[in-house]
Structure formats: structure tokens, C-alpha cells
Amino acid sequence: MFQPNAPSDEKDLLKAIGVASFDELIRRLPARHVNPGLGLANEMPEVEITRYLSELAAKNAQPLSFLGAGAYDHFSPAAVGALALRGEFATAYTPYQPEASQGTLQVIFEFQSMVAEIFGMDIANASLYDGASALAEAALVAFRHTDRPVLLVPDALHPHYRRTLDTYFGSAADFKIVTVACPRGTIDAGDLAAKINANDGNVAGVVVQTPNFFGCLEDGAAIASAAHAAGALVIAVSNPLALGVVAPPGEWDADIAVGDGQPLGLPVSFGGPYVGLFACKKEFMRKMPGRICGQTVDVDGKTGYVLTLQAREQHIRREKANSNICTNQNLCATHFTIHTAMLGPEGLRELAELNLQLAHYAAEQLSKLPGCKLSFETPYFNEFVLEVPGDVDAVHKRLLDLGILAGLPLKTFYPKLDRHLLINVTERKTKADIDRLVSAVGSLK
């Protein structure tokens, strides 16, 4: 239930901040940006307001975008939104009364089944907030299960995922996050072995993101073998779409697999909301965060669905809870489930192959341009790092002036990659779109 702050609460809050009023709080904002209004006449018919606002929206720049870095511009069929927003599904919260929520519970069960199959794992939960929080929760499982304090994390892990790990564990004296070098775009086997030896007997888990932040594919089996030999768990971070063509974590013996479901059914919208995927081997089932929806039968022998294994802080003492994750991303999980069901196994493979082919065409054409080259020689999925001539920010801006958002400059996250763009290509890009990008980059002097 939403309860707005009472005037006395607002007064106390402002006093704690050290200002006398809300106006004083925002006094540094330029006056033109405070309640600027839309310039509408006092009275306008709805049809005129709609036309005016449509014309206003049309002035927004719509560049040809090759930006990815965790939020990907994939096509979502109209049927996904139409079905997901039906009244039977239109809730973002977990149902507690199975007798009144069989439709929603069945969707959760189907979601779990799909996630487990895509990752090649035994079991999946009802979803988490996003991929980053799913990774942090997987780290908690590794720490608890092994009773060890060290987590090995690749330098090529998505920076937002790393920041989430730092938020969870950065100030905790009991835990330590150690970075493994990725000088050629993927985990360096020698450095991994050195970090395992340096923390002998203390490594709780090894994180493997594949495709990683650079789009590169890791040798999961070799990394898993090294981690298991040291008694550590293996936590895989994967793009579910890539698993249409890449071996799933379960095939190379990962213990826990996490990721973000955004590529399937969830459009890019100001960074979210998305849906966190979490699957694991059966032996870790009771250490999973969140909850699981199970299939059963009622007194008449008919199939029914219920929530089970809900070891959350509202049900038991907080210090004994697996996690204080309090809900699941049910609406986003419904979008994911509908889109994945529409694709099916063959459709998922074909969509992944299309992304793979388009990205490789773009990379091949761009790397032929003078001064441009691929930064890493490792296999990649639908994202790659391109070194460009000159200042990367200047190149990025000049391309934007030409109506092209040419990926992400990497120097903000990796200062040594100060002439590099992370470029993403999805099925929404045509050969003509890619040729336009190549021509624009080639025209820069």
C-alpha cells in the first residue's frame, strides 16, 4: 500500500537535509527547467492535443543505433505486449492465493521451465530484479555453500554487474572480490590459475560471463575445470539469446547460471525494468534466492500450481533467510515467457544465428577501413570492440551528427581502451543499415 508523506514528515525530511522548503531544495535548478509547461492553450480538444504532442515527439532525434552494452534493440512481436497485458497477467507481484491465481502461477512455472532449459540447468526460480542482482545473489550462494570469502571476477564482466557486486560486498570485511585479467578480451588462464593459487583454499566461486561485456565468448569448460579443481563454484553469466547457438552453462558444468531476460520480449526503455534469470544445479535448490513455483494436483487430481520453497525474510527470521529479495519481476517474466514460447527452440536458434551473421558482417566491413581494426581475435556473438582512428569521443560525436549512434565509447570503463567503440548489431539492423554505418565511418577524416 502506498502511503504519501504527511506534511510533518516532509518538514522533518527537509530539516534533516538542511533546507527550509522544497523551493530552497531545488533553487540551483535553472528557472526555465522548473515547471516549464508544454506551451498548450488553456483549452484544446483531445484530438488537437494529440496531434500537437505527436509533432513535438517527432522532433526528437531517432539515430540509427548500434548501442548495446547490456540493453539490446531486439524486435518484440506485437502479440507479446497484447497477451502480457491481459488482466489475467497484469500484475508485477507474486500471487499468494493459488486458488485465485492459477493463470499467473502457470506462467511462472512455464517461465522457470524455459529458463532451466535454455541454461541447461536443473531448476530455475521465479525471476529476480535484473541480471546484476541475480549475479550478486549467486555470489551469496557461493559464499554460503563453500564457507569461503573470495570471489574471482573477470575484468571483462559488465561494469554495472561489477558495481552491483561492490554494492553488496565492497564494504564487507568478510568478503573479497578479486579481478582476473582479460588482456585479449577473455579470461587469461595463467592469471586465473595465479589468482586461485594466491587465494589457496579460499575461493568460493569463479564468475564467467559469456558473451562477456566485449561480446567475446569464453572457454567455459576450461574455466569450470580449473575452478572445480580448487573446490570453487562456477557462476555463469549469459545472454539467453546467445544460448541459441552457444553451449549453455549446464553443458560445461557451471553450478549456477544467471543473466538478464531483456533480449527476449523486453524493449529498451530507459534502462528497465528487465528481468533477472537464475538457474542452478539441483543440489543448490534450497540455497536459491526468491521462490519457486511448483506443479501439483488438487483433491480431484487436476493439475495445479503453487508457490513452494519460499525461504524469504517475511516468512522466517531474517538472519536465516537465503536473501531479502522480496518479489519477482512477474510482468517482465511474462513478456519473456510469451516471446520465448513464440520462438520455440528452432526460432531461438535462427534468431541467434541472424544476430551472429549480421554482427560478423559489420565487423568484417568496418575492420577493412583505414585505421580501424577489431580489438580482439576471440570469437564473439552480436557485439564486438572496434578500434577507431583518432579521438573516440570526436568520432562518436561526428557519427551522431550524421544520425548514427555508433555504439559505446569504452574509455569511461576501461581507460586503456581510449580509442575503442563497443558496437552491437541485432536482427533489427539490415545490410543497408550496416553499410550506412561503414560508409559514415569511412567518410571521417
Protein backbone atom coordinates (compact mmCIF):
# COMPACT_ATOMS: atom_id res chain seq x y z
CA MET A 1 0.00 0.00 0.00
CA PHE A 2 1.31 3.46 -0.91
CA GLN A 3 1.16 5.99 1.92
CA PRO A 4 2.25 9.54 1.00
CA ASN A 5 4.32 11.56 3.42
CA ALA A 6 2.35 13.76 5.76
CA PRO A 7 3.27 17.48 5.89
CA SER A 8 5.02 16.84 9.20
CA ASP A 9 7.08 14.06 7.57
CA GLU A 10 8.09 16.36 4.71
CA LYS A 11 9.11 19.03 7.22
CA ASP A 12 11.27 16.53 9.10
CA LEU A 13 12.88 15.33 5.88
CA LEU A 14 13.73 18.87 4.74
CA LYS A 15 15.12 19.67 8.19
CA ALA A 16 17.35 16.59 8.06
CA ILE A 17 18.63 17.68 4.64
CA GLY A 18 19.25 21.18 5.96
CA VAL A 19 16.82 23.29 3.93
CA ALA A 20 13.70 25.17 4.94
CA SER A 21 11.48 24.35 1.97
CA PHE A 22 11.21 22.34 -1.23
CA ASP A 23 11.75 25.52 -3.26
CA GLU A 24 15.04 26.06 -1.46
CA LEU A 25 15.98 22.43 -2.18
CA ILE A 26 15.70 22.98 -5.95
CA ARG A 27 16.91 26.59 -6.07
CA ARG A 28 20.06 25.60 -8.01
CA LEU A 29 17.99 24.35 -10.94
CA PRO A 30 17.71 26.84 -13.82
CA ALA A 31 14.35 28.59 -13.60
CA ARG A 32 13.46 27.63 -17.17
CA HIS A 33 13.58 23.96 -16.21
CA VAL A 34 11.29 24.24 -13.18
CA ASN A 35 7.70 23.51 -14.25
CA PRO A 36 8.40 24.62 -17.83
CA GLY A 37 4.98 23.64 -19.15
CA LEU A 38 4.18 22.43 -22.67
CA GLY A 39 3.04 25.70 -24.18
CA LEU A 40 -0.51 24.48 -24.63
CA ALA A 41 -3.50 26.75 -24.86
CA ASN A 42 -5.79 26.70 -21.83
CA GLU A 43 -8.46 24.79 -23.71
CA MET A 44 -7.72 22.34 -26.51
CA PRO A 45 -9.74 19.36 -27.81
CA GLU A 46 -8.11 15.97 -27.23
CA VAL A 47 -7.57 15.43 -30.95
CA GLU A 48 -5.61 18.70 -31.22
CA ILE A 49 -3.55 17.95 -28.11
CA THR A 50 -2.70 14.51 -29.50
CA ARG A 51 -1.63 16.00 -32.84
CA TYR A 52 0.46 18.69 -31.13
CA LEU A 53 2.24 16.25 -28.85
CA SER A 54 2.89 13.86 -31.77
CA GLU A 55 4.52 16.69 -33.73
CA LEU A 56 6.55 17.60 -30.65
CA ALA A 57 7.71 14.00 -30.21
CA ALA A 58 8.67 13.80 -33.89
CA LYS A 59 11.33 16.45 -33.25
CA ASN A 60 13.26 14.01 -31.06
CA ALA A 61 16.33 12.57 -32.76
CA GLN A 62 15.97 8.94 -33.81
CA PRO A 63 19.50 7.92 -34.72
CA LEU A 64 20.38 4.59 -36.27
CA SER A 65 21.59 2.88 -33.12
CA PHE A 66 24.33 0.29 -32.73
CA LEU A 67 24.37 0.66 -28.95
CA GLY A 68 24.15 -2.48 -26.83
CA ALA A 69 26.28 -2.97 -23.70
CA GLY A 70 23.56 -4.87 -21.84
CA ALA A 71 20.41 -3.26 -23.28
CA TYR A 72 19.75 -4.56 -26.78
CA ASP A 73 17.46 -3.31 -29.52
CA HIS A 74 15.62 -6.52 -30.39
CA PHE A 75 12.28 -6.90 -32.15
CA SER A 76 9.36 -7.83 -29.91
CA PRO A 77 6.24 -9.08 -31.73
CA ALA A 78 3.01 -7.16 -31.06
CA ALA A 79 1.46 -10.31 -29.66
CA VAL A 80 3.87 -10.24 -26.70
CA GLY A 81 2.56 -6.97 -25.29
CA ALA A 82 -1.04 -7.73 -26.23
CA LEU A 83 -1.03 -11.01 -24.33
CA ALA A 84 1.14 -9.93 -21.41
CA LEU A 85 -1.16 -7.01 -20.59
CA ARG A 86 -4.30 -9.11 -20.35
CA GLY A 87 -5.99 -8.85 -16.97
CA GLU A 88 -5.00 -12.40 -16.05
CA PHE A 89 -1.32 -11.43 -16.13
CA ALA A 90 -1.25 -7.69 -15.38
CA THR A 91 0.44 -7.81 -12.01
CA ALA A 92 4.05 -7.26 -11.01
CA TYR A 93 3.72 -9.08 -7.70
CA THR A 94 3.83 -12.72 -6.64
CA PRO A 95 0.40 -14.31 -6.07
CA TYR A 96 -0.17 -15.82 -2.63
CA GLN A 97 -3.59 -17.36 -3.15
CA PRO A 98 -3.21 -20.24 -5.60
CA GLU A 99 -6.97 -20.81 -5.77
CA ALA A 100 -7.32 -17.33 -7.32
CA SER A 101 -4.08 -17.18 -9.30
CA GLN A 102 -3.69 -20.34 -11.35
CA GLY A 103 -3.10 -18.47 -14.62
CA THR A 104 -0.30 -16.34 -13.20
CA LEU A 105 1.25 -19.27 -11.36
CA GLN A 106 1.24 -21.36 -14.53
CA VAL A 107 3.06 -18.57 -16.38
CA ILE A 108 5.71 -18.52 -13.63
CA PHE A 109 6.05 -22.30 -13.87
CA GLU A 110 6.46 -22.09 -17.66
CA PHE A 111 8.98 -19.26 -17.24
CA GLN A 112 11.05 -21.36 -14.83
CA SER A 113 10.91 -24.35 -17.18
CA MET A 114 12.10 -22.27 -20.14
CA VAL A 115 14.93 -20.63 -18.21
CA ALA A 116 16.14 -24.00 -16.91
CA GLU A 117 16.07 -25.47 -20.42
CA ILE A 118 17.81 -22.51 -22.06
CA PHE A 119 20.59 -22.54 -19.46
CA GLY A 120 20.80 -26.34 -19.41
CA MET A 121 20.34 -26.36 -15.63
CA ASP A 122 18.17 -28.45 -13.30
CA ILE A 123 15.97 -25.75 -11.84
CA ALA A 124 15.24 -22.02 -12.05
CA ASN A 125 13.48 -19.58 -9.75
CA ALA A 126 10.56 -17.23 -10.45
CA SER A 127 12.95 -14.41 -11.52
CA LEU A 128 14.92 -11.63 -9.85
CA TYR A 129 15.17 -7.88 -10.43
CA ASP A 130 17.77 -7.95 -13.22
CA GLY A 131 20.92 -9.71 -14.33
CA ALA A 132 23.18 -7.74 -11.99
CA SER A 133 21.18 -8.54 -8.85
CA ALA A 134 20.96 -12.18 -9.99
CA LEU A 135 24.77 -12.33 -10.09
CA ALA A 136 25.06 -10.80 -6.63
CA GLU A 137 22.61 -13.37 -5.28
CA ALA A 138 24.59 -16.16 -6.96
CA ALA A 139 27.72 -14.87 -5.20
CA LEU A 140 25.86 -15.10 -1.89
CA VAL A 141 25.02 -18.75 -2.65
CA ALA A 142 28.69 -19.46 -3.38
CA PHE A 143 29.86 -17.78 -0.16
CA ARG A 144 27.31 -19.65 1.95
CA HIS A 145 27.79 -23.03 0.31
CA THR A 146 31.59 -23.09 0.45
CA ASP A 147 32.07 -21.00 3.59
CA ARG A 148 34.90 -19.26 1.74
CA PRO A 149 35.46 -15.49 1.40
CA VAL A 150 36.88 -14.88 -2.12
CA LEU A 151 35.06 -14.39 -5.43
CA LEU A 152 37.08 -14.27 -8.67
CA VAL A 153 35.58 -11.91 -11.25
CA PRO A 154 36.83 -11.29 -14.81
CA ASP A 155 37.89 -7.82 -15.85
CA ALA A 156 35.56 -8.24 -18.85
CA LEU A 157 32.47 -8.57 -16.63
CA HIS A 158 29.83 -5.93 -17.37
CA PRO A 159 30.82 -2.86 -15.28
CA HIS A 160 27.28 -2.46 -13.93
CA TYR A 161 27.35 -6.05 -12.69
CA ARG A 162 30.70 -5.36 -11.03
CA ARG A 163 29.29 -2.22 -9.36
CA THR A 164 26.38 -4.26 -8.03
CA LEU A 165 28.81 -6.79 -6.57
CA ASP A 166 30.72 -3.92 -4.97
CA THR A 167 27.47 -2.58 -3.52
CA TYR A 168 26.71 -5.96 -1.97
CA PHE A 169 30.21 -6.87 -0.79
CA GLY A 170 32.59 -3.95 -1.28
CA SER A 171 32.42 -2.74 2.32
CA ALA A 172 32.08 -6.19 3.88
CA ALA A 173 35.19 -7.26 5.74
CA ASP A 174 34.19 -10.90 5.42
CA PHE A 175 34.25 -10.99 1.61
CA LYS A 176 36.83 -10.19 -1.05
CA ILE A 177 36.34 -9.67 -4.79
CA VAL A 178 39.47 -10.35 -6.89
CA THR A 179 39.74 -9.35 -10.54
CA VAL A 180 41.10 -11.76 -13.16
CA ALA A 181 42.83 -10.13 -16.14
CA CYS A 182 41.37 -10.32 -19.66
CA PRO A 183 44.16 -8.82 -21.81
CA ARG A 184 42.95 -10.45 -25.03
CA GLY A 185 39.26 -9.94 -24.39
CA THR A 186 38.70 -13.13 -22.41
CA ILE A 187 39.89 -14.61 -19.12
CA ASP A 188 43.63 -15.21 -19.08
CA ALA A 189 44.13 -18.84 -17.99
CA GLY A 190 47.50 -18.09 -16.42
CA ASP A 191 46.17 -15.21 -14.35
CA LEU A 192 43.15 -17.29 -13.28
CA ALA A 193 45.48 -20.05 -12.06
CA ALA A 194 47.67 -17.49 -10.27
CA LYS A 195 44.68 -15.91 -8.51
CA ILE A 196 43.37 -19.33 -7.46
CA ASN A 197 46.81 -20.25 -6.07
CA ALA A 198 47.23 -16.89 -4.33
CA ASN A 199 43.92 -17.46 -2.55
CA ASP A 200 44.50 -21.16 -1.97
CA GLY A 201 41.52 -22.79 -0.27
CA ASN A 202 39.61 -19.50 -0.03
CA VAL A 203 37.97 -19.17 -3.46
CA ALA A 204 34.21 -19.53 -3.13
CA GLY A 205 33.37 -19.01 -6.78
CA VAL A 206 34.61 -18.04 -10.22
CA VAL A 207 32.40 -15.83 -12.38
CA VAL A 208 32.37 -16.44 -16.14
CA GLN A 209 30.43 -14.06 -18.37
CA THR A 210 29.99 -15.38 -21.90
CA PRO A 211 29.42 -13.49 -24.11
CA ASN A 212 31.22 -11.00 -21.89
CA PHE A 213 30.99 -7.20 -21.87
CA PHE A 214 33.16 -7.07 -25.00
CA GLY A 215 30.93 -9.61 -26.77
CA CYS A 216 33.68 -12.24 -26.61
CA LEU A 217 32.95 -15.91 -25.95
CA GLU A 218 34.81 -17.61 -23.10
CA ASP A 219 36.08 -21.20 -22.89
CA GLY A 220 33.63 -22.11 -20.14
CA ALA A 221 34.64 -25.75 -19.87
CA ALA A 222 38.33 -24.96 -19.22
CA ILE A 223 37.47 -22.30 -16.64
CA ALA A 224 34.97 -24.59 -14.91
CA SER A 225 37.56 -27.36 -14.71
CA ALA A 226 40.12 -25.05 -13.07
CA ALA A 227 37.54 -23.68 -10.61
CA HIS A 228 36.20 -27.09 -9.59
CA ALA A 229 39.72 -28.42 -9.09
CA ALA A 230 40.12 -25.69 -6.47
CA GLY A 231 36.79 -26.55 -4.81
CA ALA A 232 35.08 -23.37 -6.06
CA LEU A 233 31.66 -22.99 -7.62
CA VAL A 234 31.28 -21.74 -11.18
CA ILE A 235 28.82 -18.91 -11.79
CA ALA A 236 27.94 -18.35 -15.44
CA VAL A 237 26.52 -15.04 -16.69
CA SER A 238 24.92 -15.49 -20.10
CA ASN A 239 22.81 -13.70 -22.66
CA PRO A 240 19.83 -16.08 -23.13
CA LEU A 241 19.59 -15.28 -26.84
CA ALA A 242 23.23 -16.27 -27.40
CA LEU A 243 22.43 -19.70 -25.97
CA GLY A 244 20.51 -20.41 -29.15
CA VAL A 245 23.91 -21.09 -30.76
CA VAL A 246 26.39 -21.24 -27.87
CA ALA A 247 26.71 -24.20 -25.49
CA PRO A 248 24.59 -23.49 -22.37
CA PRO A 249 26.29 -23.31 -18.95
CA GLY A 250 24.88 -26.66 -17.90
CA GLU A 251 26.82 -28.38 -20.69
CA TRP A 252 30.14 -27.12 -19.38
CA ASP A 253 29.33 -27.93 -15.74
CA ALA A 254 28.51 -24.48 -14.34
CA ASP A 255 26.92 -24.68 -10.90
CA ILE A 256 24.80 -21.52 -11.16
CA ALA A 257 23.69 -19.66 -14.27
CA VAL A 258 22.33 -16.12 -14.27
CA GLY A 259 21.55 -13.46 -16.83
CA ASP A 260 19.08 -10.82 -17.92
CA GLY A 261 15.99 -11.70 -19.93
CA GLN A 262 15.88 -8.31 -21.69
CA PRO A 263 16.83 -9.65 -25.16
CA LEU A 264 13.63 -11.72 -25.28
CA GLY A 265 10.40 -9.73 -25.14
CA LEU A 266 11.55 -6.62 -23.28
CA PRO A 267 12.20 -3.45 -25.29
CA VAL A 268 14.85 -0.92 -24.36
CA SER A 269 13.12 1.67 -22.19
CA PHE A 270 15.27 3.98 -20.09
CA GLY A 271 17.28 1.08 -18.69
CA GLY A 272 14.46 -1.12 -17.50
CA PRO A 273 12.57 -2.73 -15.95
CA TYR A 274 14.09 -6.01 -17.03
CA VAL A 275 14.05 -9.48 -15.50
CA GLY A 276 16.82 -11.39 -13.75
CA LEU A 277 17.29 -15.07 -14.62
CA PHE A 278 18.63 -17.50 -12.03
CA ALA A 279 19.10 -21.25 -12.50
CA CYS A 280 21.27 -23.84 -10.78
CA LYS A 281 22.03 -27.48 -10.19
CA LYS A 282 19.50 -29.29 -8.05
CA GLU A 283 21.89 -29.54 -5.10
CA PHE A 284 21.75 -25.76 -4.63
CA MET A 285 17.96 -25.54 -4.84
CA ARG A 286 17.41 -24.80 -1.17
CA LYS A 287 20.02 -22.06 -1.23
CA MET A 288 18.35 -20.19 -4.10
CA PRO A 289 17.01 -16.68 -3.50
CA GLY A 290 13.38 -15.79 -4.13
CA ARG A 291 10.89 -18.55 -4.62
CA ILE A 292 9.91 -21.41 -6.91
CA CYS A 293 6.52 -22.21 -8.40
CA GLY A 294 5.76 -25.92 -8.36
CA GLN A 295 3.28 -28.16 -10.16
CA THR A 296 0.98 -30.40 -8.14
CA VAL A 297 -2.55 -31.84 -8.19
CA ASP A 298 -5.65 -30.79 -6.27
CA VAL A 299 -8.02 -33.02 -4.30
CA ASP A 300 -9.71 -34.03 -7.56
CA GLY A 301 -6.44 -34.99 -9.21
CA LYS A 302 -6.36 -31.97 -11.52
CA THR A 303 -3.09 -30.20 -12.28
CA GLY A 304 -2.48 -27.13 -10.15
CA TYR A 305 0.32 -24.68 -9.39
CA VAL A 306 1.55 -23.36 -6.04
CA LEU A 307 4.45 -21.37 -4.64
CA THR A 308 6.99 -23.51 -2.83
CA LEU A 309 10.43 -23.16 -1.21
CA GLN A 310 9.81 -19.56 -0.22
CA ALA A 311 12.65 -19.10 2.24
CA ARG A 312 12.34 -15.32 2.32
CA GLU A 313 12.61 -12.85 5.16
CA GLN A 314 8.85 -12.29 5.54
CA HIS A 315 8.37 -15.98 6.32
CA ILE A 316 11.29 -16.76 8.61
CA ARG A 317 13.75 -14.87 10.76
CA ARG A 318 15.80 -12.50 8.62
CA GLU A 319 19.14 -13.93 9.75
CA LYS A 320 18.09 -17.37 8.45
CA ALA A 321 16.72 -16.19 5.11
CA ASN A 322 18.56 -17.05 1.90
CA SER A 323 18.03 -13.49 0.71
CA ASN A 324 15.95 -10.43 1.37
CA ILE A 325 14.75 -10.40 -2.24
CA CYS A 326 11.06 -9.71 -1.65
CA THR A 327 9.39 -10.21 -5.02
CA ASN A 328 9.87 -11.31 -8.60
CA GLN A 329 9.60 -9.43 -11.90
CA ASN A 330 6.39 -11.16 -12.85
CA LEU A 331 5.20 -8.79 -15.58
CA CYS A 332 8.61 -8.78 -17.28
CA ALA A 333 8.89 -12.55 -16.83
CA THR A 334 5.53 -12.88 -18.60
CA HIS A 335 6.85 -10.90 -21.58
CA PHE A 336 9.94 -13.14 -21.66
CA THR A 337 7.83 -16.30 -21.46
CA ILE A 338 5.44 -15.31 -24.24
CA HIS A 339 8.22 -14.24 -26.60
CA THR A 340 10.28 -17.36 -25.92
CA ALA A 341 7.22 -19.59 -26.41
CA MET A 342 6.51 -17.89 -29.73
CA LEU A 343 10.09 -18.52 -30.89
CA GLY A 344 10.42 -22.10 -29.73
CA PRO A 345 13.79 -23.90 -29.82
CA GLU A 346 14.24 -23.55 -33.60
CA GLY A 347 13.18 -19.91 -33.62
CA LEU A 348 15.62 -19.11 -30.82
CA ARG A 349 18.44 -20.75 -32.78
CA GLU A 350 17.52 -18.96 -36.01
CA LEU A 351 17.27 -15.58 -34.25
CA ALA A 352 20.66 -16.12 -32.60
CA GLU A 353 22.20 -17.11 -35.95
CA LEU A 354 20.81 -13.97 -37.60
CA ASN A 355 22.36 -11.78 -34.88
CA LEU A 356 25.64 -13.64 -35.23
CA GLN A 357 25.74 -13.24 -39.02
CA LEU A 358 24.84 -9.54 -39.04
CA ALA A 359 27.41 -8.68 -36.37
CA HIS A 360 30.15 -10.54 -38.22
CA TYR A 361 29.28 -8.81 -41.47
CA ALA A 362 29.50 -5.43 -39.73
CA ALA A 363 32.81 -6.31 -38.05
CA GLU A 364 34.35 -7.57 -41.28
CA GLN A 365 33.36 -4.46 -43.24
CA LEU A 366 34.41 -1.98 -40.53
CA SER A 367 37.77 -3.65 -39.97
CA LYS A 368 38.62 -3.11 -43.66
CA LEU A 369 38.52 0.68 -43.21
CA PRO A 370 41.84 2.54 -42.83
CA GLY A 371 42.75 2.97 -39.16
CA CYS A 372 40.03 0.59 -37.95
CA LYS A 373 40.60 -2.90 -36.58
CA LEU A 374 38.97 -5.43 -34.30
CA SER A 375 40.48 -5.20 -30.84
CA PHE A 376 40.24 -8.91 -30.01
CA GLU A 377 40.75 -12.04 -32.06
CA THR A 378 38.45 -14.24 -29.96
CA PRO A 379 35.05 -15.46 -31.23
CA TYR A 380 32.14 -13.10 -30.49
CA PHE A 381 28.35 -13.11 -30.67
CA ASN A 382 26.47 -9.94 -31.72
CA GLU A 383 28.78 -7.39 -30.13
CA PHE A 384 32.43 -6.53 -30.76
CA VAL A 385 35.08 -3.93 -29.94
CA LEU A 386 36.40 -1.77 -32.76
CA GLU A 387 39.47 0.44 -32.53
CA VAL A 388 38.94 3.66 -34.48
CA PRO A 389 41.41 6.31 -35.67
CA GLY A 390 41.66 9.48 -33.63
CA ASP A 391 39.79 10.56 -30.52
CA VAL A 392 36.90 8.17 -29.89
CA ASP A 393 34.64 10.87 -28.43
CA ALA A 394 35.15 13.04 -31.51
CA VAL A 395 34.43 10.09 -33.80
CA HIS A 396 31.33 9.21 -31.78
CA LYS A 397 30.02 12.78 -31.93
CA ARG A 398 30.65 13.20 -35.65
CA LEU A 399 28.79 9.98 -36.35
CA LEU A 400 25.92 11.12 -34.15
CA ASP A 401 25.78 14.33 -36.19
CA LEU A 402 25.30 12.05 -39.20
CA GLY A 403 22.36 10.33 -37.47
CA ILE A 404 24.23 7.24 -36.26
CA LEU A 405 24.71 6.17 -32.64
CA ALA A 406 27.84 4.12 -33.21
CA GLY A 407 27.99 2.05 -30.07
CA LEU A 408 29.59 2.84 -26.71
CA PRO A 409 32.99 4.55 -26.19
CA LEU A 410 34.79 2.25 -23.77
CA LYS A 411 37.29 4.63 -22.17
CA THR A 412 34.82 5.56 -19.40
CA PHE A 413 35.01 1.97 -18.11
CA TYR A 414 38.41 0.96 -19.50
CA PRO A 415 40.81 3.96 -19.74
CA LYS A 416 43.33 1.93 -21.75
CA LEU A 417 40.69 1.35 -24.45
CA ASP A 418 40.63 5.06 -25.24
CA ARG A 419 40.12 4.65 -29.00
CA HIS A 420 37.58 1.88 -28.89
CA LEU A 421 33.86 1.50 -29.54
CA LEU A 422 31.67 -1.37 -28.36
CA ILE A 423 29.34 -1.99 -31.31
CA ASN A 424 26.19 -4.12 -31.21
CA VAL A 425 24.19 -5.45 -34.15
CA THR A 426 20.80 -7.15 -33.77
CA GLU A 427 18.17 -8.53 -36.13
CA ARG A 428 16.61 -5.06 -36.33
CA LYS A 429 19.54 -3.89 -38.45
CA THR A 430 19.55 -4.52 -42.19
CA LYS A 431 22.52 -4.87 -44.50
CA ALA A 432 21.72 -1.34 -45.71
CA ASP A 433 21.89 -0.06 -42.11
CA ILE A 434 25.28 -1.67 -41.61
CA ASP A 435 26.56 -0.35 -44.94
CA ARG A 436 25.43 3.13 -43.87
CA LEU A 437 27.49 2.82 -40.68
CA VAL A 438 30.53 1.60 -42.62
CA SER A 439 30.20 4.42 -45.15
CA ALA A 440 29.86 7.03 -42.38
CA VAL A 441 32.93 5.76 -40.52
CA GLY A 442 34.87 5.63 -43.77
CA SER A 443 33.97 9.23 -44.58
CA LEU A 444 35.60 10.58 -41.42
CA LYS A 445 38.96 12.24 -41.95
